[in-house]
Amino acid sequence: MGAPLAIAAVVASVASTGIAAAGAISSAHAQSANANYQAQVARNNATTAAQNAEYATQAGQEKAQEARTQARQNQGAVTTALAANGLDVNTGTPEQVERTQRETSALGTQQIVDSAALQAYGYRTQGTGFQAESQLQQAEAGQATTAGAFGATGSLLSGAAGVGLNYVKLQQLGVFSGGGGEGSNVDTVSTF
């Protein structure tokens, strides 16, 4: 092998090592940027879930208030109908009818409140999951950068070792000195 070709092989090995290291760093930056993006998406989703929980609570309170108003109207209609028929609304069956009406209305209103609370709880739980995802992605972003640095360092060290070994082999073959050096027997030198 001529000296120019040997030198070109060493240069190509150095260039390959540099490209591998740059690729590892670039890949790490891309992974880190993606993890940061995913963390922000999870934070946004957590915010939306918290807002949805608040909206569900407010909507439940409004529906409960509407149910209470409707119940009072129904109660008034029942009392009016009983009194219009000449019944004493404060005793006996008419009083029991009114009490049952109140209890049924209260139960319906409580079901509305409970349903809204359950829905809000679901949104809060979802938000907690999104927060955890955000923290996980944030940690991954930091680790990707570190992993890229280690990968680049490993590529550089491996490439340097390979270049050094190839240089020694070529030197033993006498490529750089114009003649065969110590151990110039080609049969004892492995190819690179």
Protein backbone atom coordinates (compact mmCIF):
# COMPACT_ATOMS: atom_id res chain seq x y z
CA MET A 1 0.00 0.00 0.00
CA GLY A 2 1.41 3.37 -0.97
CA ALA A 3 1.93 6.18 1.52
CA PRO A 4 -0.81 8.40 0.05
CA LEU A 5 -3.36 5.62 0.29
CA ALA A 6 -2.29 4.78 3.85
CA ILE A 7 -2.53 8.41 4.89
CA ALA A 8 -5.96 8.65 3.25
CA ALA A 9 -7.09 5.59 5.24
CA VAL A 10 -5.94 7.18 8.52
CA VAL A 11 -7.64 10.48 7.61
CA ALA A 12 -10.85 8.64 6.68
CA SER A 13 -10.75 6.83 10.02
CA VAL A 14 -10.33 10.15 11.87
CA ALA A 15 -13.17 11.71 9.86
CA SER A 16 -15.41 8.71 10.50
CA THR A 17 -14.74 9.02 14.22
CA GLY A 18 -15.59 12.72 14.18
CA ILE A 19 -18.79 12.12 12.25
CA ALA A 20 -19.86 9.34 14.65
CA ALA A 21 -19.25 11.62 17.64
CA ALA A 22 -21.13 14.50 16.02
CA GLY A 23 -23.98 12.12 15.17
CA ALA A 24 -24.20 10.93 18.77
CA ILE A 25 -24.35 14.52 20.03
CA SER A 26 -26.90 15.54 17.40
CA SER A 27 -29.07 12.53 18.17
CA ALA A 28 -28.92 13.31 21.89
CA HIS A 29 -29.97 16.91 21.27
CA ALA A 30 -32.90 15.72 19.13
CA GLN A 31 -33.98 13.23 21.80
CA SER A 32 -33.68 15.89 24.47
CA ALA A 33 -35.70 18.40 22.43
CA ASN A 34 -38.40 15.79 21.78
CA ALA A 35 -38.59 14.87 25.48
CA ASN A 36 -38.83 18.56 26.42
CA TYR A 37 -41.63 18.99 23.89
CA GLN A 38 -43.49 15.95 25.24
CA ALA A 39 -43.03 17.28 28.79
CA GLN A 40 -44.61 20.59 27.76
CA VAL A 41 -47.51 18.77 26.07
CA ALA A 42 -48.09 16.80 29.29
CA ARG A 43 -47.99 20.03 31.35
CA ASN A 44 -50.53 21.60 28.98
CA ASN A 45 -52.73 18.51 29.29
CA ALA A 46 -52.49 18.70 33.09
CA THR A 47 -53.61 22.34 32.96
CA THR A 48 -56.52 21.41 30.71
CA ALA A 49 -57.52 18.57 33.04
CA ALA A 50 -57.48 20.96 36.03
CA GLN A 51 -59.64 23.42 34.10
CA ASN A 52 -62.03 20.62 33.13
CA ALA A 53 -62.29 19.59 36.80
CA GLU A 54 -63.19 23.15 37.73
CA TYR A 55 -65.72 23.39 34.88
CA ALA A 56 -67.30 20.06 35.91
CA THR A 57 -67.62 21.28 39.49
CA GLN A 58 -69.19 24.58 38.39
CA ALA A 59 -71.55 22.85 35.97
CA GLY A 60 -72.61 20.44 38.70
CA GLN A 61 -73.30 23.30 41.10
CA GLU A 62 -75.37 25.10 38.48
CA LYS A 63 -77.36 21.95 37.66
CA ALA A 64 -77.91 21.33 41.36
CA GLN A 65 -79.18 24.88 41.80
CA GLU A 66 -81.53 24.41 38.84
CA ALA A 67 -82.74 21.13 40.37
CA ARG A 68 -83.36 22.86 43.72
CA THR A 69 -85.34 25.62 42.00
CA GLN A 70 -87.35 23.06 40.06
CA ALA A 71 -87.93 21.07 43.25
CA ARG A 72 -89.27 24.17 45.04
CA GLN A 73 -91.58 24.83 42.12
CA ASN A 74 -92.79 21.22 42.18
CA GLN A 75 -93.23 21.40 45.96
CA GLY A 76 -95.27 24.56 45.61
CA ALA A 77 -97.43 22.94 42.93
CA VAL A 78 -98.05 19.89 45.14
CA THR A 79 -98.92 22.05 48.16
CA THR A 80 -101.20 24.24 46.06
CA ALA A 81 -102.98 21.23 44.56
CA LEU A 82 -103.49 19.63 47.96
CA ALA A 83 -104.78 22.86 49.49
CA ALA A 84 -107.02 23.51 46.47
CA ASN A 85 -108.71 20.18 47.15
CA GLY A 86 -109.44 21.27 50.70
CA LEU A 87 -106.82 19.10 52.39
CA ASP A 88 -104.78 20.18 55.41
CA VAL A 89 -101.22 20.13 54.04
CA ASN A 90 -99.67 20.02 57.54
CA THR A 91 -101.10 16.66 58.67
CA GLY A 92 -101.73 13.11 57.50
CA THR A 93 -101.29 11.93 53.93
CA PRO A 94 -100.84 15.39 52.39
CA GLU A 95 -97.95 16.07 54.78
CA GLN A 96 -96.39 12.71 53.88
CA VAL A 97 -96.77 13.45 50.16
CA GLU A 98 -94.99 16.78 50.62
CA ARG A 99 -92.20 15.18 52.69
CA THR A 100 -91.70 12.44 50.07
CA GLN A 101 -91.57 15.12 47.37
CA ARG A 102 -88.88 17.02 49.32
CA GLU A 103 -86.83 13.87 49.95
CA THR A 104 -87.03 12.80 46.30
CA SER A 105 -85.97 16.27 45.17
CA ALA A 106 -83.09 16.34 47.66
CA LEU A 107 -81.93 12.92 46.47
CA GLY A 108 -82.01 14.02 42.83
CA THR A 109 -80.05 17.17 43.66
CA GLN A 110 -77.46 15.18 45.62
CA GLN A 111 -77.02 12.78 42.69
CA ILE A 112 -76.25 15.75 40.44
CA VAL A 113 -73.66 17.06 42.94
CA ASP A 114 -72.11 13.60 43.37
CA SER A 115 -71.92 13.04 39.61
CA ALA A 116 -70.15 16.37 39.11
CA ALA A 117 -67.74 15.59 41.95
CA LEU A 118 -66.93 12.21 40.41
CA GLN A 119 -66.33 13.79 37.02
CA ALA A 120 -64.07 16.45 38.59
CA TYR A 121 -62.18 13.72 40.45
CA GLY A 122 -61.59 11.92 37.14
CA TYR A 123 -60.16 15.09 35.62
CA ARG A 124 -57.92 15.70 38.66
CA THR A 125 -56.66 12.12 38.49
CA GLN A 126 -55.97 12.56 34.80
CA GLY A 127 -54.11 15.80 35.56
CA THR A 128 -51.95 14.02 38.12
CA GLY A 129 -51.03 11.44 35.48
CA PHE A 130 -50.10 14.20 33.05
CA GLN A 131 -47.92 15.87 35.69
CA ALA A 132 -46.10 12.59 36.30
CA GLU A 133 -45.61 12.15 32.55
CA SER A 134 -44.22 15.68 32.33
CA GLN A 135 -41.68 14.98 35.07
CA LEU A 136 -40.68 11.71 33.42
CA GLN A 137 -40.16 13.42 30.06
CA GLN A 138 -38.17 16.21 31.71
CA ALA A 139 -35.87 13.62 33.30
CA GLU A 140 -35.52 11.85 29.96
CA ALA A 141 -34.49 15.13 28.31
CA GLY A 142 -31.64 15.55 30.80
CA GLN A 143 -30.54 11.94 30.44
CA ALA A 144 -30.55 12.10 26.64
CA THR A 145 -28.00 14.91 26.70
CA THR A 146 -25.78 13.00 29.11
CA ALA A 147 -26.10 9.81 27.07
CA GLY A 148 -25.15 11.74 23.92
CA ALA A 149 -22.01 13.07 25.58
CA PHE A 150 -21.04 9.56 26.68
CA GLY A 151 -21.77 8.20 23.20
CA ALA A 152 -19.67 10.89 21.55
CA THR A 153 -16.83 10.31 24.00
CA GLY A 154 -16.99 6.56 23.36
CA SER A 155 -16.88 7.14 19.60
CA LEU A 156 -13.90 9.47 19.94
CA LEU A 157 -11.98 7.08 22.18
CA SER A 158 -12.75 4.07 20.01
CA GLY A 159 -11.80 5.99 16.87
CA ALA A 160 -8.58 7.27 18.45
CA ALA A 161 -7.61 3.73 19.44
CA GLY A 162 -8.33 2.48 15.92
CA VAL A 163 -6.37 5.30 14.30
CA GLY A 164 -3.46 4.70 16.65
CA LEU A 165 -3.38 0.98 15.90
CA ASN A 166 -3.58 1.58 12.16
CA TYR A 167 -0.81 4.15 12.36
CA VAL A 168 1.43 1.71 14.23
CA LYS A 169 0.70 -1.02 11.67
CA LEU A 170 1.49 1.31 8.81
CA GLN A 171 4.65 2.49 10.53
CA GLN A 172 5.74 -1.13 11.02
CA LEU A 173 5.23 -1.68 7.32
CA GLY A 174 7.50 1.29 6.69
CA VAL A 175 4.88 3.36 4.88
CA PHE A 176 5.97 6.58 6.58
CA SER A 177 9.76 6.02 6.58
CA GLY A 178 10.24 4.83 3.04
CA GLY A 179 11.39 1.36 4.07
CA GLY A 180 10.46 -1.53 6.25
CA GLY A 181 10.87 -0.94 9.93
CA GLU A 182 11.06 -3.31 12.84
CA GLY A 183 8.48 -6.03 12.38
CA SER A 184 8.00 -5.15 8.72
CA ASN A 185 7.14 -8.69 7.87
CA VAL A 186 3.73 -8.28 6.29
CA ASP A 187 2.68 -11.81 7.23
CA THR A 188 2.73 -10.99 10.97
CA VAL A 189 0.69 -7.77 10.76
CA SER A 190 -3.08 -8.07 10.63
CA THR A 191 -4.95 -5.96 8.13
CA PHE A 192 -7.07 -3.08 9.22
